[in-house]
Amino acid sequence: MRPIHPGGLLPICGARPSPQECNLLTEEAPGIRLCFNTSPENTVEALRRWIQA
């Protein structure tokens, strides 16, 4: 799997991925970090949590 964006950030909009899909992402891209929001309005908050982790 090739990186989509040179900065390593790939926004995925729509339905939340299943645990199996998250596992696949982490297996195919070691070191990937996932963050989730509950609405478009709190996307920045989700990214801030990701950066602080």
PDB file of N, CA and C in Angstrom:
ATOM      1  N   MET A   1       0.851  -1.177   0.000  1.00  0.00           N
ATOM      2  CA  MET A   1       0.000   0.000   0.000  1.00  0.00           C
ATOM      3  C   MET A   1       0.893   1.235   0.000  1.00  0.00           C
ATOM      4  N   ARG A   2       0.727   2.117  -0.957  1.00  0.00           N
ATOM      5  CA  ARG A   2       1.509   3.350  -1.057  1.00  0.00           C
ATOM      6  C   ARG A   2       0.835   4.467  -0.289  1.00  0.00           C
ATOM      7  N   PRO A   3       1.629   5.367   0.296  1.00  0.00           N
ATOM      8  CA  PRO A   3       1.016   6.526   0.947  1.00  0.00           C
ATOM      9  C   PRO A   3       0.244   7.355  -0.076  1.00  0.00           C
ATOM     10  N   ILE A   4      -0.902   7.821   0.318  1.00  0.00           N
ATOM     11  CA  ILE A   4      -1.748   8.628  -0.564  1.00  0.00           C
ATOM     12  C   ILE A   4      -1.280  10.086  -0.555  1.00  0.00           C
ATOM     13  N   HIS A   5      -0.856  10.550   0.581  1.00  0.00           N
ATOM     14  CA  HIS A   5      -0.473  11.944   0.754  1.00  0.00           C
ATOM     15  C   HIS A   5       0.912  11.968   1.383  1.00  0.00           C
ATOM     16  N   PRO A   6       1.814  12.800   0.874  1.00  0.00           N
ATOM     17  CA  PRO A   6       3.177  12.801   1.415  1.00  0.00           C
ATOM     18  C   PRO A   6       3.240  13.122   2.903  1.00  0.00           C
ATOM     19  N   GLY A   7       2.257  13.844   3.423  1.00  0.00           N
ATOM     20  CA  GLY A   7       2.245  14.161   4.850  1.00  0.00           C
ATOM     21  C   GLY A   7       1.713  13.035   5.696  1.00  0.00           C
ATOM     22  N   GLY A   8       1.194  11.994   5.075  1.00  0.00           N
ATOM     23  CA  GLY A   8       0.697  10.847   5.816  1.00  0.00           C
ATOM     24  C   GLY A   8      -0.717  11.002   6.319  1.00  0.00           C
ATOM     25  N   LEU A   9      -1.410  12.049   5.912  1.00  0.00           N
ATOM     26  CA  LEU A   9      -2.775  12.277   6.366  1.00  0.00           C
ATOM     27  C   LEU A   9      -3.733  11.930   5.250  1.00  0.00           C
ATOM     28  N   LEU A  10      -4.617  11.011   5.522  1.00  0.00           N
ATOM     29  CA  LEU A  10      -5.610  10.601   4.540  1.00  0.00           C
ATOM     30  C   LEU A  10      -6.986  10.698   5.166  1.00  0.00           C
ATOM     31  N   PRO A  11      -7.721  11.767   4.900  1.00  0.00           N
ATOM     32  CA  PRO A  11      -9.067  11.856   5.450  1.00  0.00           C
ATOM     33  C   PRO A  11      -9.992  10.875   4.738  1.00  0.00           C
ATOM     34  N   ILE A  12     -10.761  10.174   5.511  1.00  0.00           N
ATOM     35  CA  ILE A  12     -11.760   9.262   4.958  1.00  0.00           C
ATOM     36  C   ILE A  12     -13.114   9.734   5.473  1.00  0.00           C
ATOM     37  N   CYS A  13     -13.957  10.108   4.557  1.00  0.00           N
ATOM     38  CA  CYS A  13     -15.273  10.630   4.919  1.00  0.00           C
ATOM     39  C   CYS A  13     -16.325   9.547   4.720  1.00  0.00           C
ATOM     40  N   GLY A  14     -17.337   9.605   5.527  1.00  0.00           N
ATOM     41  CA  GLY A  14     -18.418   8.639   5.378  1.00  0.00           C
ATOM     42  C   GLY A  14     -18.528   7.757   6.593  1.00  0.00           C
ATOM     43  N   ALA A  15     -18.875   6.505   6.365  1.00  0.00           N
ATOM     44  CA  ALA A  15     -19.095   5.568   7.461  1.00  0.00           C
ATOM     45  C   ALA A  15     -17.793   5.235   8.174  1.00  0.00           C
ATOM     46  N   ARG A  16     -17.905   4.990   9.446  1.00  0.00           N
ATOM     47  CA  ARG A  16     -16.748   4.582  10.245  1.00  0.00           C
ATOM     48  C   ARG A  16     -16.318   3.186   9.813  1.00  0.00           C
ATOM     49  N   PRO A  17     -15.016   2.991   9.653  1.00  0.00           N
ATOM     50  CA  PRO A  17     -14.550   1.668   9.241  1.00  0.00           C
ATOM     51  C   PRO A  17     -14.797   0.631  10.339  1.00  0.00           C
ATOM     52  N   SER A  18     -14.967  -0.593   9.926  1.00  0.00           N
ATOM     53  CA  SER A  18     -15.167  -1.694  10.870  1.00  0.00           C
ATOM     54  C   SER A  18     -13.847  -2.011  11.556  1.00  0.00           C
ATOM     55  N   PRO A  19     -13.879  -2.737  12.666  1.00  0.00           N
ATOM     56  CA  PRO A  19     -12.621  -3.152  13.299  1.00  0.00           C
ATOM     57  C   PRO A  19     -11.735  -3.948  12.344  1.00  0.00           C
ATOM     58  N   GLN A  20     -12.328  -4.763  11.490  1.00  0.00           N
ATOM     59  CA  GLN A  20     -11.540  -5.535  10.524  1.00  0.00           C
ATOM     60  C   GLN A  20     -10.840  -4.616   9.534  1.00  0.00           C
ATOM     61  N   GLU A  21     -11.531  -3.569   9.081  1.00  0.00           N
ATOM     62  CA  GLU A  21     -10.912  -2.617   8.155  1.00  0.00           C
ATOM     63  C   GLU A  21      -9.786  -1.840   8.842  1.00  0.00           C
ATOM     64  N   CYS A  22      -9.988  -1.476  10.098  1.00  0.00           N
ATOM     65  CA  CYS A  22      -8.926  -0.793  10.851  1.00  0.00           C
ATOM     66  C   CYS A  22      -7.724  -1.708  10.997  1.00  0.00           C
ATOM     67  N   ASN A  23      -7.963  -2.980  11.293  1.00  0.00           N
ATOM     68  CA  ASN A  23      -6.856  -3.944  11.410  1.00  0.00           C
ATOM     69  C   ASN A  23      -6.103  -4.061  10.094  1.00  0.00           C
ATOM     70  N   LEU A  24      -6.835  -4.109   8.985  1.00  0.00           N
ATOM     71  CA  LEU A  24      -6.195  -4.203   7.679  1.00  0.00           C
ATOM     72  C   LEU A  24      -5.312  -2.980   7.421  1.00  0.00           C
ATOM     73  N   LEU A  25      -5.833  -1.805   7.735  1.00  0.00           N
ATOM     74  CA  LEU A  25      -5.038  -0.580   7.545  1.00  0.00           C
ATOM     75  C   LEU A  25      -3.762  -0.620   8.366  1.00  0.00           C
ATOM     76  N   THR A  26      -3.868  -1.032   9.623  1.00  0.00           N
ATOM     77  CA  THR A  26      -2.678  -1.037  10.476  1.00  0.00           C
ATOM     78  C   THR A  26      -1.697  -2.137  10.087  1.00  0.00           C
ATOM     79  N   GLU A  27      -2.182  -3.223   9.508  1.00  0.00           N
ATOM     80  CA  GLU A  27      -1.281  -4.272   9.029  1.00  0.00           C
ATOM     81  C   GLU A  27      -0.555  -3.840   7.757  1.00  0.00           C
ATOM     82  N   GLU A  28      -1.261  -3.187   6.861  1.00  0.00           N
ATOM     83  CA  GLU A  28      -0.696  -2.787   5.572  1.00  0.00           C
ATOM     84  C   GLU A  28       0.172  -1.537   5.663  1.00  0.00           C
ATOM     85  N   ALA A  29      -0.081  -0.714   6.655  1.00  0.00           N
ATOM     86  CA  ALA A  29       0.677   0.532   6.819  1.00  0.00           C
ATOM     87  C   ALA A  29       1.145   0.639   8.260  1.00  0.00           C
ATOM     88  N   PRO A  30       2.198  -0.090   8.630  1.00  0.00           N
ATOM     89  CA  PRO A  30       2.697  -0.033  10.008  1.00  0.00           C
ATOM     90  C   PRO A  30       2.987   1.410  10.426  1.00  0.00           C
ATOM     91  N   GLY A  31       2.600   1.727  11.636  1.00  0.00           N
ATOM     92  CA  GLY A  31       2.827   3.078  12.144  1.00  0.00           C
ATOM     93  C   GLY A  31       1.684   4.035  11.872  1.00  0.00           C
ATOM     94  N   ILE A  32       0.695   3.597  11.081  1.00  0.00           N
ATOM     95  CA  ILE A  32      -0.446   4.458  10.805  1.00  0.00           C
ATOM     96  C   ILE A  32      -1.186   4.750  12.103  1.00  0.00           C
ATOM     97  N   ARG A  33      -1.740   5.933  12.195  1.00  0.00           N
ATOM     98  CA  ARG A  33      -2.547   6.298  13.349  1.00  0.00           C
ATOM     99  C   ARG A  33      -3.917   6.697  12.845  1.00  0.00           C
ATOM    100  N   LEU A  34      -4.935   6.229  13.518  1.00  0.00           N
ATOM    101  CA  LEU A  34      -6.306   6.496  13.101  1.00  0.00           C
ATOM    102  C   LEU A  34      -6.962   7.430  14.106  1.00  0.00           C
ATOM    103  N   CYS A  35      -7.778   8.337  13.609  1.00  0.00           N
ATOM    104  CA  CYS A  35      -8.579   9.173  14.498  1.00  0.00           C
ATOM    105  C   CYS A  35      -9.995   9.225  13.932  1.00  0.00           C
ATOM    106  N   PHE A  36     -10.951   9.407  14.822  1.00  0.00           N
ATOM    107  CA  PHE A  36     -12.349   9.375  14.422  1.00  0.00           C
ATOM    108  C   PHE A  36     -13.076  10.595  14.975  1.00  0.00           C
ATOM    109  N   ASN A  37     -13.984  11.094  14.169  1.00  0.00           N
ATOM    110  CA  ASN A  37     -14.857  12.160  14.625  1.00  0.00           C
ATOM    111  C   ASN A  37     -16.285  11.629  14.611  1.00  0.00           C
ATOM    112  N   THR A  38     -17.197  12.381  15.213  1.00  0.00           N
ATOM    113  CA  THR A  38     -18.600  11.975  15.212  1.00  0.00           C
ATOM    114  C   THR A  38     -19.441  12.850  14.296  1.00  0.00           C
ATOM    115  N   SER A  39     -18.867  13.966  13.847  1.00  0.00           N
ATOM    116  CA  SER A  39     -19.567  14.850  12.914  1.00  0.00           C
ATOM    117  C   SER A  39     -18.527  15.747  12.246  1.00  0.00           C
ATOM    118  N   PRO A  40     -18.876  16.347  11.119  1.00  0.00           N
ATOM    119  CA  PRO A  40     -17.922  17.257  10.468  1.00  0.00           C
ATOM    120  C   PRO A  40     -17.493  18.408  11.375  1.00  0.00           C
ATOM    121  N   GLU A  41     -18.371  18.794  12.284  1.00  0.00           N
ATOM    122  CA  GLU A  41     -18.075  19.925  13.154  1.00  0.00           C
ATOM    123  C   GLU A  41     -16.958  19.637  14.150  1.00  0.00           C
ATOM    124  N   ASN A  42     -16.708  18.376  14.485  1.00  0.00           N
ATOM    125  CA  ASN A  42     -15.660  18.109  15.462  1.00  0.00           C
ATOM    126  C   ASN A  42     -14.440  17.405  14.856  1.00  0.00           C
ATOM    127  N   THR A  43     -14.238  17.575  13.568  1.00  0.00           N
ATOM    128  CA  THR A  43     -13.072  16.994  12.902  1.00  0.00           C
ATOM    129  C   THR A  43     -11.775  17.566  13.454  1.00  0.00           C
ATOM    130  N   VAL A  44     -11.723  18.875  13.660  1.00  0.00           N
ATOM    131  CA  VAL A  44     -10.509  19.509  14.186  1.00  0.00           C
ATOM    132  C   VAL A  44     -10.214  18.965  15.579  1.00  0.00           C
ATOM    133  N   GLU A  45     -11.229  18.786  16.399  1.00  0.00           N
ATOM    134  CA  GLU A  45     -11.038  18.221  17.741  1.00  0.00           C
ATOM    135  C   GLU A  45     -10.455  16.812  17.654  1.00  0.00           C
ATOM    136  N   ALA A  46     -10.946  16.005  16.728  1.00  0.00           N
ATOM    137  CA  ALA A  46     -10.433  14.641  16.553  1.00  0.00           C
ATOM    138  C   ALA A  46      -8.966  14.673  16.134  1.00  0.00           C
ATOM    139  N   LEU A  47      -8.616  15.574  15.237  1.00  0.00           N
ATOM    140  CA  LEU A  47      -7.221  15.696  14.813  1.00  0.00           C
ATOM    141  C   LEU A  47      -6.328  16.149  15.960  1.00  0.00           C
ATOM    142  N   ARG A  48      -6.842  17.052  16.794  1.00  0.00           N
ATOM    143  CA  ARG A  48      -6.051  17.502  17.950  1.00  0.00           C
ATOM    144  C   ARG A  48      -5.787  16.341  18.904  1.00  0.00           C
ATOM    145  N   ARG A  49      -6.786  15.488  19.140  1.00  0.00           N
ATOM    146  CA  ARG A  49      -6.570  14.314  19.987  1.00  0.00           C
ATOM    147  C   ARG A  49      -5.496  13.413  19.384  1.00  0.00           C
ATOM    148  N   TRP A  50      -5.513  13.261  18.067  1.00  0.00           N
ATOM    149  CA  TRP A  50      -4.550  12.415  17.363  1.00  0.00           C
ATOM    150  C   TRP A  50      -3.133  12.966  17.515  1.00  0.00           C
ATOM    151  N   ILE A  51      -2.997  14.282  17.402  1.00  0.00           N
ATOM    152  CA  ILE A  51      -1.684  14.916  17.493  1.00  0.00           C
ATOM    153  C   ILE A  51      -1.135  14.790  18.911  1.00  0.00           C
ATOM    154  N   GLN A  52      -1.989  14.910  19.929  1.00  0.00           N
ATOM    155  CA  GLN A  52      -1.551  14.867  21.317  1.00  0.00           C
ATOM    156  C   GLN A  52      -1.218  13.455  21.784  1.00  0.00           C
ATOM    157  N   ALA A  53      -1.729  12.441  21.112  1.00  0.00           N
ATOM    158  CA  ALA A  53      -1.527  11.050  21.563  1.00  0.00           C
ATOM    159  C   ALA A  53      -0.105  10.601  21.356  1.00  0.00           C
TER     160      ALA A  53
END
